[in-house]
Every structure is written in structure tokens, then in C-alpha cells.
N, C-alpha and C. Protein backbone atom coordinates (compact mmCIF):
# COMPACT_ATOMS: atom_id res chain seq x y z
N MET A 1 1.13 -1.19 0.01
CA MET A 1 0.18 0.16 0.15
C MET A 1 0.74 1.07 0.01
N ALA A 2 1.88 1.17 0.80
CA ALA A 2 3.15 2.46 0.76
C ALA A 2 3.39 2.65 -0.61
N LYS A 3 3.20 1.80 -1.39
CA LYS A 3 4.00 1.99 -2.82
C LYS A 3 2.87 2.81 -3.54
N LEU A 4 1.81 2.58 -3.37
CA LEU A 4 0.52 3.30 -3.87
C LEU A 4 0.42 4.74 -3.98
N LYS A 5 0.64 4.70 -2.10
CA LYS A 5 0.88 6.30 -1.89
C LYS A 5 1.70 6.76 -2.40
N TYR A 6 3.02 6.52 -2.34
CA TYR A 6 3.86 7.13 -2.86
C TYR A 6 3.89 7.57 -4.46
N LEU A 7 2.97 6.59 -5.25
CA LEU A 7 2.61 6.92 -6.33
C LEU A 7 1.68 7.99 -6.17
N VAL A 8 0.65 7.97 -5.45
CA VAL A 8 -0.02 9.28 -5.63
C VAL A 8 0.63 10.41 -5.36
N ILE A 9 1.51 10.33 -4.39
CA ILE A 9 2.09 11.55 -4.23
C ILE A 9 2.78 12.24 -5.40
N HIS A 10 3.50 11.48 -6.05
CA HIS A 10 4.36 11.78 -6.73
C HIS A 10 3.76 12.37 -8.49
N CYS A 11 2.42 11.56 -8.57
CA CYS A 11 1.52 12.13 -9.50
C CYS A 11 0.75 13.29 -9.33
N THR A 12 0.51 13.87 -8.20
CA THR A 12 0.30 15.22 -7.72
C THR A 12 1.36 16.01 -8.04
N ALA A 13 2.53 15.35 -7.92
CA ALA A 13 3.95 16.39 -8.29
C ALA A 13 3.92 16.89 -9.92
N THR A 14 3.63 15.33 -10.45
CA THR A 14 3.84 15.66 -12.09
C THR A 14 2.37 15.28 -12.82
N PRO A 15 1.72 16.42 -13.45
CA PRO A 15 0.82 16.47 -14.05
C PRO A 15 0.62 15.41 -15.19
N GLU A 16 1.50 15.31 -15.77
CA GLU A 16 1.69 14.08 -16.90
C GLU A 16 1.43 12.81 -16.19
N GLY A 17 2.29 12.59 -15.19
CA GLY A 17 2.49 11.16 -14.51
C GLY A 17 0.57 10.86 -13.97
N ARG A 18 0.15 11.92 -13.48
CA ARG A 18 -1.14 11.71 -12.95
C ARG A 18 -1.98 11.24 -13.99
N GLU A 19 -2.31 11.27 -15.33
CA GLU A 19 -3.03 10.70 -16.00
C GLU A 19 -2.54 9.31 -15.75
N VAL A 20 -1.55 9.18 -15.88
CA VAL A 20 -0.73 7.83 -16.07
C VAL A 20 -1.19 6.80 -14.82
N SER A 21 -0.84 7.93 -13.55
CA SER A 21 -1.18 7.17 -12.42
C SER A 21 -2.85 6.82 -12.05
N SER A 22 -3.61 7.69 -12.62
CA SER A 22 -5.01 7.22 -12.73
C SER A 22 -5.42 6.24 -13.36
N ALA A 23 -4.68 6.30 -14.56
CA ALA A 23 -5.24 4.68 -15.21
C ALA A 23 -4.57 4.03 -14.75
N ASP A 24 -3.14 3.54 -14.28
CA ASP A 24 -2.80 2.27 -13.42
C ASP A 24 -3.71 2.23 -12.42
N ILE A 25 -4.49 3.06 -11.74
CA ILE A 25 -4.92 2.53 -10.37
C ILE A 25 -6.30 2.26 -11.11
């Protein structure tokens, strides 16, 4: 679960990664 949280935080910092994170989740 920690990995997911880290991904979400990283996503927030990167607008481009946000889309990828949303799709990944």
C-alpha cells in the first residue's frame, strides 16, 4: 500500500504522471 501512496504523491507533483497514475489505479 505504501507504494501506491508514494505513486499518488508523485502523481500530484507531476501533471503528466497524474494521468498515468489514474489509469494505473
